[in-house]
């Protein structure tokens, strides 16, 4: 049987390639809304962050999410990401 290739994505915090299912996806859709995509299938531009607070803080400090979406990220998105990481641990 042919084995399926696992999709790998780059974390914005640590710049490591990891399995897509291990990461948290943040999406910017055509309307310009930025939100956390728990399904991993929402339409729009996606950016990925590890499930660790260290990676999130690195991404925030270096403004990597803002750069990935070419837009300013609201603080409530960062708060939701912090909550999501706390819930996962």
Protein backbone atom coordinates (compact mmCIF):
# COMPACT_ATOMS: atom_id res chain seq x y z
CA UNK A 1 0.00 0.00 0.00
CA UNK A 2 1.21 3.47 -0.87
CA UNK A 3 1.99 5.61 2.18
CA UNK A 4 0.55 9.08 2.31
CA UNK A 5 2.89 12.05 2.59
CA UNK A 6 2.35 14.11 5.75
CA UNK A 7 1.96 17.85 5.13
CA UNK A 8 4.73 19.89 6.78
CA UNK A 9 4.44 23.57 7.67
CA UNK A 10 6.90 26.14 9.00
CA UNK A 11 6.35 27.60 12.48
CA UNK A 12 6.64 31.41 12.56
CA UNK A 13 8.18 31.31 16.03
CA UNK A 14 10.98 28.76 15.82
CA UNK A 15 11.22 28.42 11.99
CA UNK A 16 11.09 24.61 12.20
CA UNK A 17 9.11 22.42 9.82
CA UNK A 18 6.57 20.33 11.69
CA UNK A 19 3.52 18.22 10.94
CA UNK A 20 0.59 20.46 9.99
CA UNK A 21 -1.67 18.81 12.59
CA UNK A 22 0.70 19.72 15.46
CA UNK A 23 0.53 23.46 14.72
CA UNK A 24 -2.07 26.18 15.30
CA UNK A 25 -3.30 27.82 12.08
CA UNK A 26 -4.10 31.52 11.89
CA UNK A 27 -6.00 32.66 8.77
CA UNK A 28 -6.63 35.93 6.96
CA UNK A 29 -9.57 35.62 4.56
CA UNK A 30 -10.52 37.75 1.54
CA UNK A 31 -12.52 40.17 3.70
CA UNK A 32 -9.40 40.88 5.77
CA UNK A 33 -10.64 39.08 8.90
CA UNK A 34 -7.93 37.37 10.95
CA UNK A 35 -8.92 34.39 13.09
CA UNK A 36 -7.74 31.04 14.49
CA UNK A 37 -8.70 28.10 12.28
CA UNK A 38 -9.24 24.98 14.40
CA UNK A 39 -10.29 22.83 11.42
CA UNK A 40 -7.26 23.70 9.28
CA UNK A 41 -9.49 23.99 6.22
CA UNK A 42 -10.78 27.58 6.22
CA UNK A 43 -10.30 29.59 3.03
CA UNK A 44 -7.60 32.24 3.05
CA UNK A 45 -3.93 32.79 3.72
CA UNK A 46 -2.68 30.65 6.58
CA UNK A 47 0.23 31.02 8.98
CA UNK A 48 1.29 28.43 11.54
CA UNK A 49 2.59 28.58 15.11
CA UNK A 50 3.75 25.79 17.43
CA UNK A 51 1.74 24.87 20.47
CA UNK A 52 4.29 26.54 22.75
CA UNK A 53 4.18 29.94 24.41
CA UNK A 54 7.88 30.49 23.59
CA UNK A 55 7.21 30.27 19.85
CA UNK A 56 4.19 32.55 20.14
CA UNK A 57 6.14 35.19 22.06
CA UNK A 58 8.99 35.06 19.51
CA UNK A 59 6.49 35.53 16.67
CA UNK A 60 4.82 38.45 18.47
CA UNK A 61 8.12 40.16 19.32
CA UNK A 62 9.42 39.90 15.75
CA UNK A 63 5.96 40.80 14.30
CA UNK A 64 6.07 37.72 12.07
CA UNK A 65 2.29 37.32 11.92
CA UNK A 66 1.92 40.94 10.80
CA UNK A 67 4.53 40.34 8.12
CA UNK A 68 2.94 37.09 6.96
CA UNK A 69 -0.44 38.77 6.45
CA UNK A 70 0.81 42.25 5.48
CA UNK A 71 -1.61 43.66 8.06
CA UNK A 72 -1.66 44.74 11.69
CA UNK A 73 -2.79 41.95 14.00
CA UNK A 74 -5.35 42.91 16.70
CA UNK A 75 -4.28 42.18 20.28
CA UNK A 76 -7.37 40.01 20.81
CA UNK A 77 -5.97 37.51 18.28
CA UNK A 78 -2.78 37.26 20.33
CA UNK A 79 -4.87 36.81 23.49
CA UNK A 80 -6.89 34.01 21.84
CA UNK A 81 -3.66 32.32 20.75
CA UNK A 82 -2.29 32.48 24.31
CA UNK A 83 -5.56 30.97 25.60
CA UNK A 84 -5.44 28.23 22.97
CA UNK A 85 -1.90 27.28 23.96
CA UNK A 86 -2.79 27.23 27.67
CA UNK A 87 -5.76 24.94 26.94
CA UNK A 88 -3.58 22.55 24.95
CA UNK A 89 -1.03 22.18 27.76
